[in-house]
Amino acid sequence: MQPADSDIPIIERLVVVTLFDGVDLLDVTGPAEVFALLARELDGPTGYEVVLAAETTDPVTTSAGVRVLPDATFDDLAGRRVDTLVVPGAVRVDAERHVRAVVDPALVPRVQALADGARRVASVCVGAHVLAEAGLLEGRRVTTHWSTARQLAAEHPGVRVDADPIFVRDGDVWTGAGLTACLDLTLALVADDHGQELALRVARQLVMFLKRPGGQSQFSVATDPRATTRRVDDLRHHVLRDVAAPLTVAELAERAHVSARQLTRLFKTELGTTPAAYVESVRVEAARQRLETTDDTLERVATACGFGTTDTLTRAFRRRLDTTPAQYRARFRLAG
């Protein structure tokens, strides 16, 4: 069960996003926007201080031609404890449309210094090449944009490159795949700090899927649109808070003070699905998270997520993800 918003301790976490000329614009603004939208959901402090840092405070020209003004210099941050270091990337495209990641050699020691003592480090898109040059990816499983994955593997043979996932977590190092995957990666960082329910709410603000470690096959269930009435919204959060509860149509109808038939109409109108199908989708998401992040047996996962038996769990996975729980875990189990 996730804690209520008022129970979440506000701990100031310094999030540093590195800037340099030619950086991909969305790599910078995407993570910052996710952290900003969290404030809207919390109606108060998020616990994050997001700082854009560069060599100087002069405007930085991004790959899109848009100029961004740094908040601080790298030297300004000396001595400060960095909680999360976010490293964007940059590419060069030649006349034959071949894409190569480029790394500014002057940036590498700056990243090394900032990463030293940071609680976690994350690369966005081809920012993985910067982390690799800084020696932070050696022996780790990582991802990057598919167009530069071979380059990363060739230049850094000690790095285990997997071009398929949207993002990969290996211990305290997170790596993301493409430009828009920076949103998925940052949502996962928010979920890691504040819980899955808050990350879901931010994802809804972005009108997007909440993709945890999925491949390009899109192993993900869409986040539910916010209900148009308080009654259904309260039921939805009730389901999210305790997926192991019975959560029958009769129980949900009683909680909402309506008949089972009326409840089904409300869910169809506001969420586009039936109460039973909605509950199953939430339970599958909960099971996916446990399969990705724990060593729990399938029996324990089935019980904790409200399926009761492994047969029921397996049928739900086949129906919604066209795979089995064991196959899903083998493919998407997070390291670290």
C-alpha atoms as a PDB file:
ATOM      1  CA  MET A   1       0.000   0.000   0.000  1.00  0.00           C
ATOM      2  CA  GLN A   2       1.439   3.374  -0.976  1.00  0.00           C
ATOM      3  CA  PRO A   3       1.538   6.069   1.725  1.00  0.00           C
ATOM      4  CA  ALA A   4      -0.882   8.957   1.540  1.00  0.00           C
ATOM      5  CA  ASP A   5       0.524  12.130   0.028  1.00  0.00           C
ATOM      6  CA  SER A   6       0.595  13.816   3.445  1.00  0.00           C
ATOM      7  CA  ASP A   7       2.697  10.933   4.831  1.00  0.00           C
ATOM      8  CA  ILE A   8       5.490  11.318   2.281  1.00  0.00           C
ATOM      9  CA  PRO A   9       8.508  12.913   3.923  1.00  0.00           C
ATOM     10  CA  ILE A  10       9.881  15.915   2.059  1.00  0.00           C
ATOM     11  CA  ILE A  11      13.631  15.362   1.752  1.00  0.00           C
ATOM     12  CA  GLU A  12      15.476  17.832  -0.437  1.00  0.00           C
ATOM     13  CA  ARG A  13      17.173  15.902  -3.235  1.00  0.00           C
ATOM     14  CA  LEU A  14      19.548  17.700  -5.576  1.00  0.00           C
ATOM     15  CA  VAL A  15      18.927  16.627  -9.170  1.00  0.00           C
ATOM     16  CA  VAL A  16      21.628  17.830 -11.566  1.00  0.00           C
ATOM     17  CA  VAL A  17      21.066  17.790 -15.339  1.00  0.00           C
ATOM     18  CA  THR A  18      24.258  18.388 -17.296  1.00  0.00           C
ATOM     19  CA  LEU A  19      24.257  20.862 -20.193  1.00  0.00           C
ATOM     20  CA  PHE A  20      26.652  21.346 -23.099  1.00  0.00           C
ATOM     21  CA  ASP A  21      26.436  22.805 -26.600  1.00  0.00           C
ATOM     22  CA  GLY A  22      24.582  20.506 -28.992  1.00  0.00           C
ATOM     23  CA  VAL A  23      22.745  18.602 -26.264  1.00  0.00           C
ATOM     24  CA  ASP A  24      19.395  17.107 -27.285  1.00  0.00           C
ATOM     25  CA  LEU A  25      16.722  19.515 -26.065  1.00  0.00           C
ATOM     26  CA  LEU A  26      14.147  16.937 -24.964  1.00  0.00           C
ATOM     27  CA  ASP A  27      16.805  15.070 -22.972  1.00  0.00           C
ATOM     28  CA  VAL A  28      17.017  18.202 -20.821  1.00  0.00           C
ATOM     29  CA  THR A  29      13.435  19.423 -20.662  1.00  0.00           C
ATOM     30  CA  GLY A  30      11.741  15.999 -20.410  1.00  0.00           C
ATOM     31  CA  PRO A  31      13.122  14.988 -17.006  1.00  0.00           C
ATOM     32  CA  ALA A  32      12.705  18.527 -15.669  1.00  0.00           C
ATOM     33  CA  GLU A  33       9.040  18.531 -16.721  1.00  0.00           C
ATOM     34  CA  VAL A  34       8.330  15.226 -14.974  1.00  0.00           C
ATOM     35  CA  PHE A  35       9.791  16.510 -11.706  1.00  0.00           C
ATOM     36  CA  ALA A  36       7.813  19.750 -12.118  1.00  0.00           C
ATOM     37  CA  LEU A  37       4.508  17.932 -12.714  1.00  0.00           C
ATOM     38  CA  LEU A  38       5.040  15.997  -9.508  1.00  0.00           C
ATOM     39  CA  ALA A  39       4.631  19.293  -7.643  1.00  0.00           C
ATOM     40  CA  ARG A  40       1.180  19.665  -9.193  1.00  0.00           C
ATOM     41  CA  GLU A  41       0.159  16.249  -7.905  1.00  0.00           C
ATOM     42  CA  LEU A  42       1.573  16.830  -4.420  1.00  0.00           C
ATOM     43  CA  ASP A  43       0.245  20.401  -4.161  1.00  0.00           C
ATOM     44  CA  GLY A  44       3.489  21.319  -2.457  1.00  0.00           C
ATOM     45  CA  PRO A  45       7.209  20.611  -2.246  1.00  0.00           C
ATOM     46  CA  THR A  46       8.384  17.509  -4.108  1.00  0.00           C
ATOM     47  CA  GLY A  47      11.646  17.040  -2.276  1.00  0.00           C
ATOM     48  CA  TYR A  48      13.595  17.715  -5.482  1.00  0.00           C
ATOM     49  CA  GLU A  49      15.781  20.666  -6.396  1.00  0.00           C
ATOM     50  CA  VAL A  50      16.412  20.435 -10.147  1.00  0.00           C
ATOM     51  CA  VAL A  51      19.512  22.298 -11.346  1.00  0.00           C
ATOM     52  CA  LEU A  52      20.708  22.640 -14.939  1.00  0.00           C
ATOM     53  CA  ALA A  53      24.500  22.798 -14.794  1.00  0.00           C
ATOM     54  CA  ALA A  54      27.109  23.672 -17.415  1.00  0.00           C
ATOM     55  CA  GLU A  55      30.711  24.813 -17.658  1.00  0.00           C
ATOM     56  CA  THR A  56      29.571  28.465 -17.519  1.00  0.00           C
ATOM     57  CA  THR A  57      26.264  30.225 -17.034  1.00  0.00           C
ATOM     58  CA  ASP A  58      26.239  31.401 -20.643  1.00  0.00           C
ATOM     59  CA  PRO A  59      23.254  30.183 -22.707  1.00  0.00           C
ATOM     60  CA  VAL A  60      23.711  26.681 -24.110  1.00  0.00           C
ATOM     61  CA  THR A  61      22.544  26.068 -27.680  1.00  0.00           C
ATOM     62  CA  THR A  62      20.757  22.723 -27.963  1.00  0.00           C
ATOM     63  CA  SER A  63      20.513  20.491 -31.025  1.00  0.00           C
ATOM     64  CA  ALA A  64      17.121  22.047 -31.778  1.00  0.00           C
ATOM     65  CA  GLY A  65      18.640  25.531 -31.886  1.00  0.00           C
ATOM     66  CA  VAL A  66      16.803  26.492 -28.711  1.00  0.00           C
ATOM     67  CA  ARG A  67      19.036  28.151 -26.144  1.00  0.00           C
ATOM     68  CA  VAL A  68      18.861  27.077 -22.509  1.00  0.00           C
ATOM     69  CA  LEU A  69      20.173  29.088 -19.587  1.00  0.00           C
ATOM     70  CA  PRO A  70      22.086  27.049 -16.967  1.00  0.00           C
ATOM     71  CA  ASP A  71      21.190  27.513 -13.306  1.00  0.00           C
ATOM     72  CA  ALA A  72      24.738  26.938 -12.105  1.00  0.00           C
ATOM     73  CA  THR A  73      28.237  26.063 -13.193  1.00  0.00           C
ATOM     74  CA  PHE A  74      29.851  22.736 -12.438  1.00  0.00           C
ATOM     75  CA  ASP A  75      32.204  24.534 -10.067  1.00  0.00           C
ATOM     76  CA  ASP A  76      29.221  26.019  -8.202  1.00  0.00           C
ATOM     77  CA  LEU A  77      28.153  22.489  -7.287  1.00  0.00           C
ATOM     78  CA  ALA A  78      31.494  21.482  -5.834  1.00  0.00           C
ATOM     79  CA  GLY A  79      30.978  20.227  -2.309  1.00  0.00           C
ATOM     80  CA  ARG A  80      27.228  19.777  -2.690  1.00  0.00           C
ATOM     81  CA  ARG A  81      25.755  16.296  -2.282  1.00  0.00           C
ATOM     82  CA  VAL A  82      24.171  15.244  -5.581  1.00  0.00           C
ATOM     83  CA  ASP A  83      21.238  12.887  -5.175  1.00  0.00           C
ATOM     84  CA  THR A  84      20.483  12.197  -8.855  1.00  0.00           C
ATOM     85  CA  LEU A  85      22.754  12.998 -11.775  1.00  0.00           C
ATOM     86  CA  VAL A  86      20.999  13.078 -15.161  1.00  0.00           C
ATOM     87  CA  VAL A  87      23.299  13.036 -18.190  1.00  0.00           C
ATOM     88  CA  PRO A  88      21.795  13.836 -21.624  1.00  0.00           C
ATOM     89  CA  GLY A  89      23.523  13.097 -24.921  1.00  0.00           C
ATOM     90  CA  ALA A  90      24.186  14.427 -28.390  1.00  0.00           C
ATOM     91  CA  VAL A  91      24.588  12.954 -31.860  1.00  0.00           C
ATOM     92  CA  ARG A  92      26.117  13.858 -35.184  1.00  0.00           C
ATOM     93  CA  VAL A  93      24.491  12.798 -38.472  1.00  0.00           C
ATOM     94  CA  ASP A  94      26.746  12.554 -41.533  1.00  0.00           C
ATOM     95  CA  ALA A  95      25.872  13.071 -45.206  1.00  0.00           C
ATOM     96  CA  GLU A  96      24.806   9.438 -45.509  1.00  0.00           C
ATOM     97  CA  ARG A  97      22.456   9.847 -42.538  1.00  0.00           C
ATOM     98  CA  HIS A  98      24.589   7.692 -40.267  1.00  0.00           C
ATOM     99  CA  VAL A  99      24.049   8.605 -36.622  1.00  0.00           C
ATOM    100  CA  ARG A 100      26.918   8.643 -34.159  1.00  0.00           C
ATOM    101  CA  ALA A 101      26.957   9.681 -30.528  1.00  0.00           C
ATOM    102  CA  VAL A 102      29.415  12.436 -29.728  1.00  0.00           C
ATOM    103  CA  VAL A 103      31.022  13.076 -26.355  1.00  0.00           C
ATOM    104  CA  ASP A 104      32.681  16.317 -25.354  1.00  0.00           C
ATOM    105  CA  PRO A 105      35.959  15.222 -23.672  1.00  0.00           C
ATOM    106  CA  ALA A 106      35.755  18.194 -21.307  1.00  0.00           C
ATOM    107  CA  LEU A 107      32.412  16.936 -19.980  1.00  0.00           C
ATOM    108  CA  VAL A 108      33.726  13.519 -18.925  1.00  0.00           C
ATOM    109  CA  PRO A 109      35.706  14.587 -15.826  1.00  0.00           C
ATOM    110  CA  ARG A 110      32.819  16.835 -14.791  1.00  0.00           C
ATOM    111  CA  VAL A 111      30.451  13.856 -14.898  1.00  0.00           C
ATOM    112  CA  GLN A 112      32.945  11.728 -12.977  1.00  0.00           C
ATOM    113  CA  ALA A 113      33.181  14.351 -10.249  1.00  0.00           C
ATOM    114  CA  LEU A 114      29.413  14.821  -9.980  1.00  0.00           C
ATOM    115  CA  ALA A 115      28.776  11.062  -9.988  1.00  0.00           C
ATOM    116  CA  ASP A 116      31.241  10.521  -7.155  1.00  0.00           C
ATOM    117  CA  GLY A 117      29.055  10.239  -4.077  1.00  0.00           C
ATOM    118  CA  ALA A 118      25.744  10.642  -5.959  1.00  0.00           C
ATOM    119  CA  ARG A 119      22.987   8.299  -4.837  1.00  0.00           C
ATOM    120  CA  ARG A 120      22.179   7.396  -8.431  1.00  0.00           C
ATOM    121  CA  VAL A 121      23.199   8.288 -11.950  1.00  0.00           C
ATOM    122  CA  ALA A 122      20.957   8.245 -15.022  1.00  0.00           C
ATOM    123  CA  SER A 123      21.693   8.724 -18.708  1.00  0.00           C
ATOM    124  CA  VAL A 124      19.118   9.869 -21.217  1.00  0.00           C
ATOM    125  CA  CYS A 125      19.235   8.452 -24.744  1.00  0.00           C
ATOM    126  CA  VAL A 126      22.843   8.600 -26.026  1.00  0.00           C
ATOM    127  CA  GLY A 127      23.980  10.088 -22.725  1.00  0.00           C
ATOM    128  CA  ALA A 128      25.024   6.494 -21.987  1.00  0.00           C
ATOM    129  CA  HIS A 129      28.084   7.162 -24.144  1.00  0.00           C
ATOM    130  CA  VAL A 130      29.123   9.924 -21.729  1.00  0.00           C
ATOM    131  CA  LEU A 131      28.706   7.601 -18.742  1.00  0.00           C
ATOM    132  CA  ALA A 132      30.722   4.932 -20.541  1.00  0.00           C
ATOM    133  CA  GLU A 133      33.559   7.365 -21.255  1.00  0.00           C
ATOM    134  CA  ALA A 134      33.474   8.302 -17.578  1.00  0.00           C
ATOM    135  CA  GLY A 135      33.947   4.634 -16.633  1.00  0.00           C
ATOM    136  CA  LEU A 136      30.569   4.375 -14.918  1.00  0.00           C
ATOM    137  CA  LEU A 137      29.101   1.563 -17.038  1.00  0.00           C
ATOM    138  CA  GLU A 138      31.868  -1.036 -16.942  1.00  0.00           C
ATOM    139  CA  GLY A 139      30.410  -4.500 -16.347  1.00  0.00           C
ATOM    140  CA  ARG A 140      26.857  -3.188 -16.242  1.00  0.00           C
ATOM    141  CA  ARG A 141      23.835  -4.001 -18.370  1.00  0.00           C
ATOM    142  CA  VAL A 142      22.706  -0.795 -20.062  1.00  0.00           C
ATOM    143  CA  THR A 143      20.631   0.552 -22.904  1.00  0.00           C
ATOM    144  CA  THR A 144      20.850   3.514 -25.245  1.00  0.00           C
ATOM    145  CA  HIS A 145      19.169   4.692 -28.420  1.00  0.00           C
ATOM    146  CA  TRP A 146      19.023   1.808 -30.892  1.00  0.00           C
ATOM    147  CA  SER A 147      20.863   3.853 -33.543  1.00  0.00           C
ATOM    148  CA  THR A 148      24.054   4.067 -31.452  1.00  0.00           C
ATOM    149  CA  ALA A 149      23.880   0.773 -29.552  1.00  0.00           C
ATOM    150  CA  ARG A 150      26.451  -0.925 -31.803  1.00  0.00           C
ATOM    151  CA  GLN A 151      28.779   2.043 -31.446  1.00  0.00           C
ATOM    152  CA  LEU A 152      28.527   1.877 -27.656  1.00  0.00           C
ATOM    153  CA  ALA A 153      29.218  -1.866 -27.623  1.00  0.00           C
ATOM    154  CA  ALA A 154      32.168  -1.533 -30.009  1.00  0.00           C
ATOM    155  CA  GLU A 155      33.802   1.356 -28.156  1.00  0.00           C
ATOM    156  CA  HIS A 156      33.211  -0.108 -24.703  1.00  0.00           C
ATOM    157  CA  PRO A 157      33.392  -3.927 -24.870  1.00  0.00           C
ATOM    158  CA  GLY A 158      33.183  -4.172 -21.086  1.00  0.00           C
ATOM    159  CA  VAL A 159      29.659  -2.751 -21.149  1.00  0.00           C
ATOM    160  CA  ARG A 160      26.718  -5.121 -21.698  1.00  0.00           C
ATOM    161  CA  VAL A 161      24.552  -3.222 -24.188  1.00  0.00           C
ATOM    162  CA  ASP A 162      20.896  -4.199 -24.654  1.00  0.00           C
ATOM    163  CA  ALA A 163      19.196  -2.022 -27.280  1.00  0.00           C
ATOM    164  CA  ASP A 164      15.719  -3.428 -26.672  1.00  0.00           C
ATOM    165  CA  PRO A 165      14.437  -2.098 -23.307  1.00  0.00           C
ATOM    166  CA  ILE A 166      12.985   1.355 -22.838  1.00  0.00           C
ATOM    167  CA  PHE A 167      15.309   1.752 -19.870  1.00  0.00           C
ATOM    168  CA  VAL A 168      17.508  -0.410 -17.687  1.00  0.00           C
ATOM    169  CA  ARG A 169      18.390  -0.164 -14.034  1.00  0.00           C
ATOM    170  CA  ASP A 170      21.596  -1.850 -12.911  1.00  0.00           C
ATOM    171  CA  GLY A 171      22.175  -1.039  -9.277  1.00  0.00           C
ATOM    172  CA  ASP A 172      22.431   2.724  -8.835  1.00  0.00           C
ATOM    173  CA  VAL A 173      22.897   3.379 -12.560  1.00  0.00           C
ATOM    174  CA  TRP A 174      19.904   3.911 -14.837  1.00  0.00           C
ATOM    175  CA  THR A 175      20.119   4.190 -18.635  1.00  0.00           C
ATOM    176  CA  GLY A 176      17.335   5.221 -21.021  1.00  0.00           C
ATOM    177  CA  ALA A 177      16.735   4.419 -24.678  1.00  0.00           C
ATOM    178  CA  GLY A 178      15.283   7.127 -26.893  1.00  0.00           C
ATOM    179  CA  LEU A 179      14.361  10.782 -26.635  1.00  0.00           C
ATOM    180  CA  THR A 180      10.816  10.261 -25.353  1.00  0.00           C
ATOM    181  CA  ALA A 181      12.021   7.385 -23.145  1.00  0.00           C
ATOM    182  CA  CYS A 182      13.481  10.117 -20.915  1.00  0.00           C
ATOM    183  CA  LEU A 183       9.924  10.554 -19.639  1.00  0.00           C
ATOM    184  CA  ASP A 184       9.573   6.833 -18.856  1.00  0.00           C
ATOM    185  CA  LEU A 185      12.957   6.820 -17.151  1.00  0.00           C
ATOM    186  CA  THR A 186      12.165   9.871 -15.011  1.00  0.00           C
ATOM    187  CA  LEU A 187       8.762   8.466 -14.082  1.00  0.00           C
ATOM    188  CA  ALA A 188      10.558   5.352 -12.867  1.00  0.00           C
ATOM    189  CA  LEU A 189      12.860   7.529 -10.751  1.00  0.00           C
ATOM    190  CA  VAL A 190       9.791   9.225  -9.260  1.00  0.00           C
ATOM    191  CA  ALA A 191       8.208   5.833  -8.582  1.00  0.00           C
ATOM    192  CA  ASP A 192      11.418   4.683  -6.917  1.00  0.00           C
ATOM    193  CA  ASP A 193      11.273   7.672  -4.553  1.00  0.00           C
ATOM    194  CA  HIS A 194       7.565   8.306  -4.064  1.00  0.00           C
ATOM    195  CA  GLY A 195       5.769   5.124  -5.074  1.00  0.00           C
ATOM    196  CA  GLN A 196       3.932   3.840  -8.108  1.00  0.00           C
ATOM    197  CA  GLU A 197       0.652   5.640  -7.554  1.00  0.00           C
ATOM    198  CA  LEU A 198       2.205   9.113  -7.674  1.00  0.00           C
ATOM    199  CA  ALA A 199       4.160   8.165 -10.791  1.00  0.00           C
ATOM    200  CA  LEU A 200       0.899   7.015 -12.381  1.00  0.00           C
ATOM    201  CA  ARG A 201      -0.676  10.363 -11.616  1.00  0.00           C
ATOM    202  CA  VAL A 202       2.219  12.243 -13.207  1.00  0.00           C
ATOM    203  CA  ALA A 203       2.010   9.961 -16.253  1.00  0.00           C
ATOM    204  CA  ARG A 204      -1.647  10.902 -16.626  1.00  0.00           C
ATOM    205  CA  GLN A 205      -0.672  14.570 -16.615  1.00  0.00           C
ATOM    206  CA  LEU A 206       1.655  13.761 -19.513  1.00  0.00           C
ATOM    207  CA  VAL A 207      -1.147  11.779 -21.237  1.00  0.00           C
ATOM    208  CA  MET A 208       1.156   8.829 -21.703  1.00  0.00           C
ATOM    209  CA  PHE A 209       1.741   5.214 -20.784  1.00  0.00           C
ATOM    210  CA  LEU A 210       3.664   4.418 -17.642  1.00  0.00           C
ATOM    211  CA  LYS A 211       6.327   2.133 -19.065  1.00  0.00           C
ATOM    212  CA  ARG A 212       8.493   0.419 -16.559  1.00  0.00           C
ATOM    213  CA  PRO A 213      11.206  -1.817 -18.006  1.00  0.00           C
ATOM    214  CA  GLY A 214       9.551  -2.703 -21.294  1.00  0.00           C
ATOM    215  CA  GLY A 215      11.077  -3.547 -24.614  1.00  0.00           C
ATOM    216  CA  GLN A 216      10.122  -1.995 -27.893  1.00  0.00           C
ATOM    217  CA  SER A 217       7.341  -4.585 -27.987  1.00  0.00           C
ATOM    218  CA  GLN A 218       5.538  -2.210 -25.594  1.00  0.00           C
ATOM    219  CA  PHE A 219       4.943  -4.524 -22.633  1.00  0.00           C
ATOM    220  CA  SER A 220       2.778  -1.973 -20.881  1.00  0.00           C
ATOM    221  CA  VAL A 221      -0.780  -1.344 -19.865  1.00  0.00           C
ATOM    222  CA  ALA A 222      -2.080   2.195 -20.377  1.00  0.00           C
ATOM    223  CA  THR A 223      -2.569   4.329 -17.318  1.00  0.00           C
ATOM    224  CA  ASP A 224      -6.209   4.860 -16.626  1.00  0.00           C
ATOM    225  CA  PRO A 225      -7.654   8.249 -17.505  1.00  0.00           C
ATOM    226  CA  ARG A 226      -8.725  10.271 -14.515  1.00  0.00           C
ATOM    227  CA  ALA A 227     -12.359   9.533 -13.800  1.00  0.00           C
ATOM    228  CA  THR A 228     -14.883  12.259 -14.506  1.00  0.00           C
ATOM    229  CA  THR A 229     -16.627  11.710 -11.161  1.00  0.00           C
ATOM    230  CA  ARG A 230     -15.213  11.566  -7.657  1.00  0.00           C
ATOM    231  CA  ARG A 231     -17.028   8.291  -7.024  1.00  0.00           C
ATOM    232  CA  VAL A 232     -15.164   6.287  -9.669  1.00  0.00           C
ATOM    233  CA  ASP A 233     -11.882   8.067  -8.964  1.00  0.00           C
ATOM    234  CA  ASP A 234     -12.133   7.038  -5.295  1.00  0.00           C
ATOM    235  CA  LEU A 235     -12.848   3.439  -6.333  1.00  0.00           C
ATOM    236  CA  ARG A 236      -9.874   3.441  -8.673  1.00  0.00           C
ATOM    237  CA  HIS A 237      -7.552   4.557  -5.875  1.00  0.00           C
ATOM    238  CA  HIS A 238      -9.109   1.991  -3.534  1.00  0.00           C
ATOM    239  CA  VAL A 239      -8.158  -0.722  -6.038  1.00  0.00           C
ATOM    240  CA  LEU A 240      -4.633   0.666  -6.450  1.00  0.00           C
ATOM    241  CA  ARG A 241      -4.079   0.774  -2.683  1.00  0.00           C
ATOM    242  CA  ASP A 242      -4.941  -2.881  -1.977  1.00  0.00           C
ATOM    243  CA  VAL A 243      -4.832  -5.184  -5.006  1.00  0.00           C
ATOM    244  CA  ALA A 244      -4.839  -8.268  -2.766  1.00  0.00           C
ATOM    245  CA  ALA A 245      -8.323  -7.468  -1.398  1.00  0.00           C
ATOM    246  CA  PRO A 246     -11.303  -9.367  -2.876  1.00  0.00           C
ATOM    247  CA  LEU A 247     -12.334  -6.351  -5.015  1.00  0.00           C
ATOM    248  CA  THR A 248     -15.456  -8.037  -6.350  1.00  0.00           C
ATOM    249  CA  VAL A 249     -18.012  -6.068  -8.334  1.00  0.00           C
ATOM    250  CA  ALA A 250     -20.425  -6.448  -5.419  1.00  0.00           C
ATOM    251  CA  GLU A 251     -17.864  -5.091  -2.921  1.00  0.00           C
ATOM    252  CA  LEU A 252     -16.964  -2.158  -5.145  1.00  0.00           C
ATOM    253  CA  ALA A 253     -20.630  -1.375  -5.790  1.00  0.00           C
ATOM    254  CA  GLU A 254     -21.348  -1.403  -2.064  1.00  0.00           C
ATOM    255  CA  ARG A 255     -18.418   0.934  -1.422  1.00  0.00           C
ATOM    256  CA  ALA A 256     -19.742   3.325  -4.091  1.00  0.00           C
ATOM    257  CA  HIS A 257     -23.342   3.008  -2.812  1.00  0.00           C
ATOM    258  CA  VAL A 258     -24.668   1.940  -6.221  1.00  0.00           C
ATOM    259  CA  SER A 259     -25.953  -1.283  -7.732  1.00  0.00           C
ATOM    260  CA  ALA A 260     -23.612  -3.654  -9.535  1.00  0.00           C
ATOM    261  CA  ARG A 261     -25.329  -2.799 -12.823  1.00  0.00           C
ATOM    262  CA  GLN A 262     -24.931   0.940 -12.248  1.00  0.00           C
ATOM    263  CA  LEU A 263     -21.262   0.451 -11.292  1.00  0.00           C
ATOM    264  CA  THR A 264     -20.611  -1.377 -14.551  1.00  0.00           C
ATOM    265  CA  ARG A 265     -22.245   1.487 -16.467  1.00  0.00           C
ATOM    266  CA  LEU A 266     -20.090   4.044 -14.625  1.00  0.00           C
ATOM    267  CA  PHE A 267     -16.859   2.165 -15.388  1.00  0.00           C
ATOM    268  CA  LYS A 268     -17.827   1.707 -19.030  1.00  0.00           C
ATOM    269  CA  THR A 269     -18.640   5.406 -19.386  1.00  0.00           C
ATOM    270  CA  GLU A 270     -15.700   6.854 -17.489  1.00  0.00           C
ATOM    271  CA  LEU A 271     -12.906   4.294 -17.882  1.00  0.00           C
ATOM    272  CA  GLY A 272     -14.009   2.452 -21.010  1.00  0.00           C
ATOM    273  CA  THR A 273     -13.876  -0.942 -19.321  1.00  0.00           C
ATOM    274  CA  THR A 274     -15.719  -3.119 -16.819  1.00  0.00           C
ATOM    275  CA  PRO A 275     -14.910  -3.150 -13.093  1.00  0.00           C
ATOM    276  CA  ALA A 276     -13.566  -6.721 -13.317  1.00  0.00           C
ATOM    277  CA  ALA A 277     -11.350  -5.915 -16.306  1.00  0.00           C
ATOM    278  CA  TYR A 278     -10.029  -2.808 -14.580  1.00  0.00           C
ATOM    279  CA  VAL A 279      -9.161  -4.744 -11.423  1.00  0.00           C
ATOM    280  CA  GLU A 280      -7.367  -7.365 -13.509  1.00  0.00           C
ATOM    281  CA  SER A 281      -5.329  -4.706 -15.336  1.00  0.00           C
ATOM    282  CA  VAL A 282      -4.209  -3.181 -12.023  1.00  0.00           C
ATOM    283  CA  ARG A 283      -3.302  -6.601 -10.645  1.00  0.00           C
ATOM    284  CA  VAL A 284      -1.274  -7.419 -13.751  1.00  0.00           C
ATOM    285  CA  GLU A 285       0.630  -4.136 -13.320  1.00  0.00           C
ATOM    286  CA  ALA A 286       1.299  -4.988  -9.661  1.00  0.00           C
ATOM    287  CA  ALA A 287       2.463  -8.484 -10.614  1.00  0.00           C
ATOM    288  CA  ARG A 288       4.737  -7.082 -13.310  1.00  0.00           C
ATOM    289  CA  GLN A 289       6.391  -4.814 -10.759  1.00  0.00           C
ATOM    290  CA  ARG A 290       7.033  -7.723  -8.392  1.00  0.00           C
ATOM    291  CA  LEU A 291       8.361  -9.916 -11.185  1.00  0.00           C
ATOM    292  CA  GLU A 292      10.688  -7.112 -12.267  1.00  0.00           C
ATOM    293  CA  THR A 293      12.011  -6.171  -8.834  1.00  0.00           C
ATOM    294  CA  THR A 294      11.751  -9.175  -6.467  1.00  0.00           C
ATOM    295  CA  ASP A 295      12.625 -12.864  -6.291  1.00  0.00           C
ATOM    296  CA  ASP A 296       9.177 -13.756  -4.949  1.00  0.00           C
ATOM    297  CA  THR A 297       7.856 -17.127  -6.115  1.00  0.00           C
ATOM    298  CA  LEU A 298       5.002 -17.092  -8.603  1.00  0.00           C
ATOM    299  CA  GLU A 299       2.741 -18.391  -5.833  1.00  0.00           C
ATOM    300  CA  ARG A 300       3.671 -15.436  -3.624  1.00  0.00           C
ATOM    301  CA  VAL A 301       3.209 -12.973  -6.498  1.00  0.00           C
ATOM    302  CA  ALA A 302      -0.207 -14.437  -7.292  1.00  0.00           C
ATOM    303  CA  THR A 303      -1.322 -14.150  -3.670  1.00  0.00           C
ATOM    304  CA  ALA A 304       0.080 -10.664  -3.077  1.00  0.00           C
ATOM    305  CA  CYS A 305      -1.523  -9.305  -6.251  1.00  0.00           C
ATOM    306  CA  GLY A 306      -4.968 -10.760  -5.685  1.00  0.00           C
ATOM    307  CA  PHE A 307      -4.938 -13.567  -8.264  1.00  0.00           C
ATOM    308  CA  GLY A 308      -5.090 -16.324  -5.678  1.00  0.00           C
ATOM    309  CA  THR A 309      -3.474 -19.016  -7.816  1.00  0.00           C
ATOM    310  CA  THR A 310      -0.637 -19.153 -10.314  1.00  0.00           C
ATOM    311  CA  ASP A 311      -3.066 -20.498 -12.924  1.00  0.00           C
ATOM    312  CA  THR A 312      -5.182 -17.351 -12.642  1.00  0.00           C
ATOM    313  CA  LEU A 313      -2.050 -15.200 -12.759  1.00  0.00           C
ATOM    314  CA  THR A 314      -0.817 -16.994 -15.879  1.00  0.00           C
ATOM    315  CA  ARG A 315      -4.153 -16.697 -17.663  1.00  0.00           C
ATOM    316  CA  ALA A 316      -4.240 -12.940 -16.980  1.00  0.00           C
ATOM    317  CA  PHE A 317      -0.694 -12.510 -18.308  1.00  0.00           C
ATOM    318  CA  ARG A 318      -1.473 -14.491 -21.448  1.00  0.00           C
ATOM    319  CA  ARG A 319      -4.634 -12.482 -22.006  1.00  0.00           C
ATOM    320  CA  ARG A 320      -3.082  -9.042 -21.478  1.00  0.00           C
ATOM    321  CA  LEU A 321       0.608  -9.433 -22.369  1.00  0.00           C
ATOM    322  CA  ASP A 322       0.642 -12.566 -24.534  1.00  0.00           C
ATOM    323  CA  THR A 323       3.323 -14.127 -22.339  1.00  0.00           C
ATOM    324  CA  THR A 324       3.660 -16.039 -19.084  1.00  0.00           C
ATOM    325  CA  PRO A 325       4.834 -14.626 -15.737  1.00  0.00           C
ATOM    326  CA  ALA A 326       7.996 -16.745 -15.893  1.00  0.00           C
ATOM    327  CA  GLN A 327       8.818 -15.568 -19.415  1.00  0.00           C
ATOM    328  CA  TYR A 328       8.136 -11.973 -18.440  1.00  0.00           C
ATOM    329  CA  ARG A 329      10.479 -12.188 -15.443  1.00  0.00           C
ATOM    330  CA  ALA A 330      13.234 -13.792 -17.523  1.00  0.00           C
ATOM    331  CA  ARG A 331      13.080 -10.888 -19.968  1.00  0.00           C
ATOM    332  CA  PHE A 332      12.488  -7.889 -17.733  1.00  0.00           C
ATOM    333  CA  ARG A 333      13.923  -8.702 -14.315  1.00  0.00           C
ATOM    334  CA  LEU A 334      15.805  -5.632 -13.055  1.00  0.00           C
ATOM    335  CA  ALA A 335      19.352  -6.023 -11.821  1.00  0.00           C
ATOM    336  CA  GLY A 336      20.410  -4.432  -8.560  1.00  0.00           C
END
